[in-house]
Amino acid sequence: MTTSAQTVVAPARARTATAAATVRRKQGFQHGGWFVAPFLVLFALFVIWPLLRGVYLSFTDANISGEGASFVGLDNYREALGDSAMWDALGHSAYFTLLVVPCITVLAFLLAMLAHNIERGKWLWRLCFFAPFLLPSTVAGNMWQWLFTQGIGLFNQTFGLDTPWLTDKSYAMLAIVIETLWWTVGFSFLLYLAALQGIPDHLYEAAKLDGANAWHRIVHITLPMLRNITGLVIALQILASLQLFDQAVVMMDFSPGPELSTRSFVQYTLEQGFTSYRVGYASAMSIIFFVIIAAVALTRMWLLRNREEGGR
């Protein structure tokens, strides 16, 4: 009798526990939903709706007034894909990305190593390296515009140069790259510094006991432990660099630079929308750019997943 009673009671208890857990999950979702609701509303209002609106406008010949728009199908996309100026602007953004991403990754790592291993004044070094990132883009752009001005700029005077940084297409993009490195390296520096502080000290102590010098400890301990954060830094910098706009526009006085050499994809899109008043065409270009950015992000996720599966 006892065994039979236990056999009957055990499933009943299990069903009761399952039902109670289900009720708790539903109650938790109901209470938690009120906390995420404001975010969901704002996300839908300022992200989802503009995206859907942009997709719709990309199939029309809408102007900036929003009146009299007619459906044109894929005409805007065909024109964009055949627009040499758009491809030139995309090439400028890609060139800027190729220059900035490796430099910022290496520089941020070196600065983080310095701030992490220095004995005195750590807070001062960290503040100096991160502080420029807190400046608005207009402040940083105007400051470096003055530094690069030919004849009176501090940059040329300090190094005894007479380089036309802002008026020659051979140097204009390089000037923007230098300004961007100084202005944005602080964010990647902070990521590397946080990752360095998470590496256990006993790994370095064991390596020292085995006779490993400083270089071997960096190559065989530090860099492998920072592999994930390096991938994150590279991905974030690629996405940010492809969206080049603020610093280039400010440093070039809202012009596309000498011989259009610094006109980025974002700037060209805005010119089409707000200077030529072709909102439909600009929307199609924005969708194309969105697809490019999404492809970069998905490629990063795919590579990360394959690396994790390969390491198992």
Protein backbone atom coordinates (compact mmCIF):
# COMPACT_ATOMS: atom_id res chain seq x y z
CA MET A 1 0.00 0.00 0.00
CA THR A 2 2.75 2.40 0.90
CA THR A 3 4.57 1.87 -2.38
CA SER A 4 1.36 2.33 -4.39
CA ALA A 5 0.50 5.53 -2.51
CA GLN A 6 3.97 6.96 -3.15
CA THR A 7 3.68 6.03 -6.82
CA VAL A 8 0.44 8.00 -7.07
CA VAL A 9 1.54 11.00 -4.96
CA ALA A 10 4.92 11.60 -6.66
CA PRO A 11 3.50 12.46 -10.12
CA ALA A 12 0.87 14.62 -8.46
CA ARG A 13 3.57 16.60 -6.63
CA ALA A 14 5.57 16.93 -9.83
CA ARG A 15 2.51 18.28 -11.67
CA THR A 16 1.83 20.71 -8.83
CA ALA A 17 5.43 21.96 -8.85
CA THR A 18 5.34 22.37 -12.62
CA ALA A 19 2.10 24.31 -12.46
CA ALA A 20 3.48 26.55 -9.70
CA ALA A 21 6.62 27.24 -11.72
CA THR A 22 4.50 28.12 -14.76
CA VAL A 23 2.43 30.54 -12.68
CA ARG A 24 5.59 32.18 -11.30
CA ARG A 25 7.01 32.60 -14.82
CA LYS A 26 3.78 34.19 -16.04
CA GLN A 27 3.66 36.52 -13.05
CA GLY A 28 7.33 37.42 -13.55
CA PHE A 29 6.73 38.17 -17.22
CA GLN A 30 3.69 40.28 -16.39
CA HIS A 31 5.60 42.33 -13.83
CA GLY A 32 8.74 42.53 -15.95
CA GLY A 33 6.76 43.58 -18.98
CA TRP A 34 5.94 46.90 -17.34
CA PHE A 35 9.66 47.64 -16.95
CA VAL A 36 10.55 46.97 -20.59
CA ALA A 37 7.39 48.53 -22.03
CA PRO A 38 8.77 52.12 -22.14
CA PHE A 39 11.86 50.91 -23.99
CA LEU A 40 9.80 48.86 -26.43
CA VAL A 41 7.57 51.86 -27.16
CA LEU A 42 10.54 54.16 -27.79
CA PHE A 43 12.31 51.48 -29.83
CA ALA A 44 9.27 51.00 -32.02
CA LEU A 45 8.72 54.75 -32.35
CA PHE A 46 12.28 55.84 -33.13
CA VAL A 47 13.80 52.69 -34.74
CA ILE A 48 11.19 50.34 -36.19
CA TRP A 49 8.83 52.99 -37.57
CA PRO A 50 11.59 55.12 -39.22
CA LEU A 51 13.05 51.95 -40.75
CA LEU A 52 9.72 50.87 -42.19
CA ARG A 53 9.04 54.42 -43.37
CA GLY A 54 12.44 54.56 -45.04
CA VAL A 55 11.80 51.28 -46.84
CA TYR A 56 8.50 52.63 -48.13
CA LEU A 57 10.02 55.95 -49.28
CA SER A 58 12.80 54.10 -51.11
CA PHE A 59 10.18 52.83 -53.56
CA THR A 60 8.85 56.33 -54.27
CA ASP A 61 10.07 59.58 -55.81
CA ALA A 62 9.29 61.51 -52.61
CA ASN A 63 10.84 64.95 -52.13
CA ILE A 64 11.64 66.72 -48.90
CA SER A 65 8.17 68.25 -48.66
CA GLY A 66 6.58 64.80 -48.59
CA GLU A 67 3.88 65.83 -51.05
CA GLY A 68 3.06 64.29 -54.40
CA ALA A 69 5.12 61.12 -53.97
CA SER A 70 4.43 58.37 -56.49
CA PHE A 71 5.47 54.74 -56.53
CA VAL A 72 8.51 54.07 -58.77
CA GLY A 73 9.36 50.49 -57.79
CA LEU A 74 13.03 49.59 -57.94
CA ASP A 75 14.07 52.61 -60.00
CA ASN A 76 15.86 54.27 -57.07
CA TYR A 77 17.85 51.11 -56.35
CA ARG A 78 18.82 50.69 -60.00
CA GLU A 79 19.97 54.29 -60.15
CA ALA A 80 21.91 53.97 -56.90
CA LEU A 81 23.72 50.82 -57.97
CA GLY A 82 24.73 52.59 -61.18
CA ASP A 83 25.72 55.85 -59.48
CA SER A 84 29.50 56.24 -59.70
CA ALA A 85 29.44 59.05 -57.13
CA MET A 86 27.81 56.72 -54.61
CA TRP A 87 30.46 54.06 -55.16
CA ASP A 88 33.19 56.69 -54.82
CA ALA A 89 31.71 57.81 -51.51
CA LEU A 90 31.49 54.20 -50.34
CA GLY A 91 35.12 53.74 -51.37
CA HIS A 92 36.12 56.73 -49.25
CA SER A 93 34.32 55.25 -46.24
CA ALA A 94 35.96 51.86 -46.83
CA TYR A 95 39.41 53.46 -47.23
CA PHE A 96 38.93 55.38 -44.00
CA THR A 97 37.89 52.14 -42.27
CA LEU A 98 40.96 50.27 -43.52
CA LEU A 99 43.20 53.00 -42.13
CA VAL A 100 41.49 53.51 -38.79
CA VAL A 101 40.57 50.02 -37.58
CA PRO A 102 44.08 48.44 -37.44
CA CYS A 103 45.63 51.60 -36.00
CA ILE A 104 43.00 52.03 -33.30
CA THR A 105 43.14 48.34 -32.33
CA VAL A 106 46.92 48.34 -31.89
CA LEU A 107 47.04 51.78 -30.25
CA ALA A 108 44.25 50.97 -27.79
CA PHE A 109 46.00 47.73 -26.78
CA LEU A 110 49.34 49.49 -26.23
CA LEU A 111 47.76 52.29 -24.19
CA ALA A 112 45.84 49.77 -22.10
CA MET A 113 49.03 47.80 -21.43
CA LEU A 114 50.77 51.00 -20.36
CA ALA A 115 47.95 52.12 -18.06
CA HIS A 116 47.60 48.62 -16.60
CA ASN A 117 51.26 48.01 -15.82
CA ILE A 118 52.44 51.46 -14.78
CA GLU A 119 53.05 51.74 -11.06
CA ARG A 120 52.37 55.40 -10.27
CA GLY A 121 49.60 57.73 -11.40
CA LYS A 122 47.40 55.07 -12.95
CA TRP A 123 44.28 57.22 -12.62
CA LEU A 124 45.97 60.12 -14.41
CA TRP A 125 47.03 57.98 -17.37
CA ARG A 126 43.59 56.46 -17.67
CA LEU A 127 41.96 59.89 -17.55
CA CYS A 128 44.29 61.28 -20.21
CA PHE A 129 43.69 58.39 -22.58
CA PHE A 130 39.91 58.31 -22.16
CA ALA A 131 39.10 62.04 -21.81
CA PRO A 132 39.13 62.89 -25.58
CA PHE A 133 36.36 60.37 -26.18
CA LEU A 134 34.06 62.49 -23.99
CA LEU A 135 34.36 65.51 -26.30
CA PRO A 136 31.55 66.22 -28.79
CA SER A 137 32.47 65.57 -32.40
CA THR A 138 32.17 69.26 -33.27
CA VAL A 139 34.62 70.29 -30.55
CA ALA A 140 37.18 67.66 -31.55
CA GLY A 141 36.75 68.48 -35.26
CA ASN A 142 37.11 72.23 -34.83
CA MET A 143 40.15 71.81 -32.61
CA TRP A 144 41.97 69.58 -35.09
CA GLN A 145 40.90 71.79 -37.98
CA TRP A 146 42.85 74.60 -36.33
CA LEU A 147 45.80 72.29 -35.59
CA PHE A 148 46.00 71.25 -39.27
CA THR A 149 45.48 74.71 -40.79
CA GLN A 150 48.34 75.47 -43.14
CA GLY A 151 50.52 78.38 -42.10
CA ILE A 152 49.14 78.96 -38.60
CA GLY A 153 48.36 75.41 -37.48
CA LEU A 154 50.22 74.12 -34.44
CA PHE A 155 50.81 70.73 -36.08
CA ASN A 156 52.90 72.12 -38.93
CA GLN A 157 54.70 74.62 -36.71
CA THR A 158 55.64 71.98 -34.15
CA PHE A 159 57.17 69.61 -36.69
CA GLY A 160 58.51 72.25 -39.07
CA LEU A 161 56.16 71.31 -41.91
CA ASP A 162 54.19 73.20 -44.51
CA THR A 163 51.77 70.43 -45.42
CA PRO A 164 48.34 71.43 -46.80
CA TRP A 165 46.48 68.92 -44.66
CA LEU A 166 42.98 70.21 -45.33
CA THR A 167 43.30 71.50 -48.89
CA ASP A 168 45.14 68.67 -50.66
CA LYS A 169 43.35 65.41 -51.45
CA SER A 170 46.54 63.47 -50.70
CA TYR A 171 46.47 64.55 -47.04
CA ALA A 172 42.83 65.36 -46.25
CA MET A 173 41.73 61.83 -45.38
CA LEU A 174 44.93 61.24 -43.42
CA ALA A 175 44.18 64.32 -41.32
CA ILE A 176 40.72 62.95 -40.53
CA VAL A 177 42.25 59.58 -39.61
CA ILE A 178 44.70 61.22 -37.17
CA GLU A 179 41.90 63.22 -35.55
CA THR A 180 39.72 60.11 -35.28
CA LEU A 181 42.49 58.09 -33.63
CA TRP A 182 43.00 60.77 -30.98
CA TRP A 183 39.29 61.29 -30.45
CA THR A 184 37.92 57.72 -30.34
CA VAL A 185 40.77 55.51 -29.11
CA GLY A 186 39.59 56.00 -25.52
CA PHE A 187 36.59 53.72 -25.94
CA SER A 188 38.62 50.76 -27.22
CA PHE A 189 41.28 51.53 -24.64
CA LEU A 190 38.68 51.17 -21.90
CA LEU A 191 37.52 47.80 -23.25
CA TYR A 192 41.09 46.48 -23.36
CA LEU A 193 41.85 47.82 -19.89
CA ALA A 194 38.82 46.08 -18.40
CA ALA A 195 39.81 42.83 -20.13
CA LEU A 196 43.40 43.07 -18.87
CA GLN A 197 42.19 43.45 -15.31
CA GLY A 198 40.25 40.21 -15.71
CA ILE A 199 43.30 38.09 -16.54
CA PRO A 200 44.32 36.07 -13.44
CA ASP A 201 47.70 37.09 -11.97
CA HIS A 202 48.66 33.48 -11.25
CA LEU A 203 49.05 32.84 -14.99
CA TYR A 204 51.81 35.44 -15.21
CA GLU A 205 53.40 34.19 -11.99
CA ALA A 206 53.49 30.63 -13.29
CA ALA A 207 54.99 31.82 -16.58
CA LYS A 208 57.72 33.71 -14.71
CA LEU A 209 58.59 30.60 -12.74
CA ASP A 210 58.93 28.74 -16.03
CA GLY A 211 61.39 31.35 -17.26
CA ALA A 212 59.12 33.22 -19.71
CA ASN A 213 60.18 36.79 -20.39
CA ALA A 214 57.85 39.77 -20.82
CA TRP A 215 57.46 39.24 -24.58
CA HIS A 216 56.59 35.57 -24.20
CA ARG A 217 54.01 36.41 -21.50
CA ILE A 218 52.33 38.90 -23.85
CA VAL A 219 52.32 36.52 -26.82
CA HIS A 220 51.28 33.34 -25.01
CA ILE A 221 49.05 34.72 -22.22
CA THR A 222 47.87 38.28 -22.80
CA LEU A 223 47.00 38.14 -26.50
CA PRO A 224 45.16 34.77 -26.35
CA MET A 225 43.18 35.94 -23.31
CA LEU A 226 42.21 39.12 -25.18
CA ARG A 227 41.13 37.34 -28.36
CA ASN A 228 37.40 37.86 -27.80
CA ILE A 229 37.74 41.50 -26.79
CA THR A 230 39.95 42.13 -29.83
CA GLY A 231 37.26 40.72 -32.08
CA LEU A 232 34.71 42.95 -30.39
CA VAL A 233 36.90 46.04 -30.78
CA ILE A 234 37.50 45.33 -34.46
CA ALA A 235 33.79 44.75 -35.14
CA LEU A 236 32.69 47.91 -33.33
CA GLN A 237 35.36 50.01 -35.02
CA ILE A 238 34.41 48.71 -38.48
CA LEU A 239 30.77 49.58 -37.91
CA ALA A 240 31.62 53.02 -36.53
CA SER A 241 34.20 53.85 -39.20
CA LEU A 242 31.92 52.93 -42.08
CA GLN A 243 29.53 55.58 -40.73
CA LEU A 244 32.12 58.33 -41.05
CA PHE A 245 30.45 61.73 -41.09
CA ASP A 246 30.81 64.11 -38.13
CA GLN A 247 34.53 64.73 -37.98
CA ALA A 248 34.98 64.83 -41.75
CA VAL A 249 32.20 67.37 -42.25
CA VAL A 250 33.38 69.61 -39.41
CA MET A 251 37.06 69.55 -40.37
CA MET A 252 36.23 70.29 -44.02
CA ASP A 253 33.81 73.13 -43.21
CA PHE A 254 30.79 71.08 -44.30
CA SER A 255 32.27 70.47 -47.74
CA PRO A 256 33.10 67.12 -49.38
CA GLY A 257 36.80 67.96 -49.13
CA PRO A 258 39.34 68.75 -51.84
CA GLU A 259 38.23 67.11 -55.09
CA LEU A 260 35.50 65.24 -53.16
CA SER A 261 38.23 63.17 -51.47
CA THR A 262 36.58 63.04 -48.02
CA ARG A 263 32.92 62.69 -49.01
CA SER A 264 31.68 59.61 -47.18
CA PHE A 265 28.68 57.45 -47.96
CA VAL A 266 26.64 59.03 -45.16
CA GLN A 267 27.49 62.54 -46.33
CA TYR A 268 26.54 61.78 -49.93
CA THR A 269 23.24 60.28 -48.76
CA LEU A 270 22.43 63.41 -46.77
CA GLU A 271 23.35 65.58 -49.74
CA GLN A 272 20.86 63.72 -51.90
CA GLY A 273 18.14 63.98 -49.28
CA PHE A 274 18.57 67.51 -47.95
CA THR A 275 20.46 69.35 -50.71
CA SER A 276 18.99 67.76 -53.83
CA TYR A 277 15.69 67.12 -52.00
CA ARG A 278 15.50 63.55 -53.35
CA VAL A 279 14.24 61.82 -50.23
CA GLY A 280 13.17 58.67 -52.06
CA TYR A 281 16.57 58.22 -53.65
CA ALA A 282 18.35 58.97 -50.36
CA SER A 283 16.14 56.39 -48.63
CA ALA A 284 17.15 53.75 -51.17
CA MET A 285 20.82 54.56 -50.55
CA SER A 286 20.20 54.29 -46.80
CA ILE A 287 18.68 50.83 -47.22
CA ILE A 288 21.67 49.74 -49.28
CA PHE A 289 23.98 51.00 -46.55
CA PHE A 290 21.89 49.25 -43.91
CA VAL A 291 22.33 45.96 -45.79
CA ILE A 292 26.10 46.51 -45.90
CA ILE A 293 26.27 47.23 -42.17
CA ALA A 294 24.06 44.22 -41.40
CA ALA A 295 26.28 42.00 -43.56
CA VAL A 296 29.36 43.10 -41.62
CA ALA A 297 27.65 42.43 -38.28
CA LEU A 298 26.37 39.00 -39.37
CA THR A 299 29.80 38.06 -40.71
CA ARG A 300 31.30 38.93 -37.33
CA MET A 301 28.72 36.72 -35.57
CA TRP A 302 29.34 33.86 -38.00
CA LEU A 303 33.10 33.99 -37.52
CA LEU A 304 32.74 34.13 -33.76
CA ARG A 305 30.38 31.14 -33.72
CA ASN A 306 32.68 29.08 -35.93
CA ARG A 307 35.67 29.90 -33.75
CA GLU A 308 33.79 28.91 -30.59
CA GLU A 309 32.64 25.64 -32.17
CA GLY A 310 36.16 24.94 -33.40
CA GLY A 311 37.57 25.48 -29.91
CA ARG A 312 35.30 22.86 -28.35
